[in-house]
Protein backbone atom coordinates (compact mmCIF):
# COMPACT_ATOMS: atom_id res chain seq x y z
CA MET A 1 -3.38 204.45 -184.86
CA ASN A 2 -5.19 203.98 -181.54
CA SER A 3 -8.88 203.44 -180.99
CA ALA A 4 -10.81 201.89 -178.10
CA LEU A 5 -13.98 199.81 -177.90
CA GLU A 6 -15.71 198.87 -174.63
CA VAL A 7 -15.98 195.10 -174.09
CA LEU A 8 -17.44 192.68 -171.56
CA PHE A 9 -16.89 188.93 -171.83
CA ILE A 10 -16.56 185.66 -169.91
CA GLY A 11 -13.87 183.14 -170.74
CA ARG A 12 -11.20 180.80 -169.44
CA LEU A 13 -7.51 181.43 -168.89
CA GLY A 14 -5.28 179.61 -171.36
CA GLN A 15 -2.24 179.89 -169.10
CA ASN A 16 -1.29 181.14 -165.66
CA PRO A 17 -1.32 184.93 -165.15
CA GLU A 18 1.98 186.71 -165.83
CA LEU A 19 2.71 189.41 -163.23
CA ARG A 20 5.46 191.99 -163.66
CA TYR A 21 6.29 195.40 -162.27
CA THR A 22 7.09 198.60 -164.14
CA ARG A 23 10.13 200.72 -163.30
CA ASN A 24 7.80 202.74 -161.07
CA GLN A 25 6.85 199.53 -159.21
CA GLU A 26 3.31 199.47 -160.61
CA ALA A 27 1.94 195.94 -160.98
CA VAL A 28 0.86 194.78 -164.44
CA CYS A 29 -0.57 191.34 -165.16
CA ARG A 30 -1.14 189.76 -168.57
CA LEU A 31 -3.91 187.23 -169.13
CA ASN A 32 -4.80 185.16 -172.19
CA VAL A 33 -8.55 184.53 -172.13
CA ALA A 34 -10.39 182.13 -174.47
CA VAL A 35 -14.03 182.98 -175.21
CA ALA A 36 -16.30 180.34 -176.76
CA ILE A 37 -17.95 181.47 -179.99
CA GLU A 38 -21.33 179.91 -180.77
CA GLY A 39 -21.15 177.82 -183.93
CA SER A 40 -17.35 177.74 -183.93
CA GLU A 41 -15.08 174.93 -182.86
CA ARG A 42 -12.29 177.32 -181.91
CA PRO A 43 -12.44 180.02 -179.22
CA HIS A 44 -11.57 183.68 -179.73
CA TRP A 45 -8.48 184.65 -177.72
CA HIS A 46 -8.17 188.00 -175.93
CA LYS A 47 -4.90 189.41 -174.62
CA VAL A 48 -5.86 191.19 -171.39
CA VAL A 49 -3.75 193.66 -169.40
CA VAL A 50 -4.63 194.32 -165.74
CA TRP A 51 -3.00 197.08 -163.64
CA GLY A 52 -2.40 197.84 -159.97
CA LYS A 53 -3.73 195.91 -156.98
CA GLN A 54 -6.16 194.05 -159.22
CA ALA A 55 -3.16 192.72 -161.20
CA GLU A 56 -1.60 191.36 -158.01
CA LEU A 57 -4.89 189.70 -157.04
CA CYS A 58 -5.09 188.01 -160.45
CA GLN A 59 -1.66 186.49 -159.85
CA VAL A 60 -2.68 185.20 -156.40
CA PHE A 61 -6.17 183.87 -157.14
CA LEU A 62 -6.18 182.81 -160.82
CA GLY A 63 -4.61 179.96 -162.74
CA LYS A 64 -4.80 178.19 -166.07
CA GLY A 65 -8.36 177.02 -166.80
CA PHE A 66 -10.03 179.39 -164.34
CA GLN A 67 -13.14 181.16 -165.57
CA VAL A 68 -13.19 184.97 -165.41
CA PHE A 69 -15.23 187.88 -166.63
CA VAL A 70 -13.52 190.96 -167.98
CA GLN A 71 -14.83 194.49 -168.44
CA GLY A 72 -12.59 196.98 -170.16
CA HIS A 73 -11.54 198.61 -173.40
CA LYS A 74 -10.21 196.84 -176.47
CA THR A 75 -7.45 198.84 -178.05
CA PHE A 76 -6.14 198.39 -181.57
CA ARG A 77 -2.54 199.43 -182.06
CA GLU A 78 0.05 199.35 -184.77
CA HIS A 79 3.70 200.21 -184.94
CA GLN A 80 6.43 199.99 -187.52
CA LEU A 81 9.27 197.53 -187.00
CA ASP A 82 12.88 198.40 -187.85
CA SER A 83 12.42 196.33 -191.01
CA GLY A 84 9.61 198.68 -192.11
CA GLU A 85 6.90 196.07 -191.56
CA ILE A 86 3.71 197.31 -189.85
CA LYS A 87 2.76 195.19 -186.83
CA LYS A 88 -0.92 195.33 -185.80
CA TYR A 89 -2.36 193.92 -182.59
CA GLU A 90 -5.22 194.29 -180.17
CA GLU A 91 -5.45 193.97 -176.41
CA VAL A 92 -8.00 194.59 -173.69
CA THR A 93 -7.09 196.93 -170.84
CA ALA A 94 -9.24 195.61 -168.00
CA GLU A 95 -11.10 197.92 -165.66
CA LYS A 96 -12.64 194.99 -163.78
CA VAL A 97 -11.77 191.30 -163.64
CA GLY A 98 -14.18 188.97 -161.86
CA PHE A 99 -13.07 185.65 -160.44
CA ILE A 100 -15.76 183.02 -161.05
CA ASN A 101 -14.13 179.79 -159.72
CA PHE A 102 -14.63 180.15 -155.97
């Protein structure tokens, strides 16, 4: 099951960006972004995936605690584990990541 929803939010990184490269040498960076929710003591966490040159720039210019804005698509996915259990998760594939702390 795959579906996408467009999102735009501002939040803070909960850890340093994690940059890796695919077998085809395409850069992919993972971000964990906390977004404050009005009336809630706890933030909502987004798992964000950034591709290409923008991914490399995230690794260079961002760090834990930095504020960013993200525009992209939230995707809901599920897959079945070998045990038969259904694993559901969501992530945001970023089209644009803005660096606010400069």
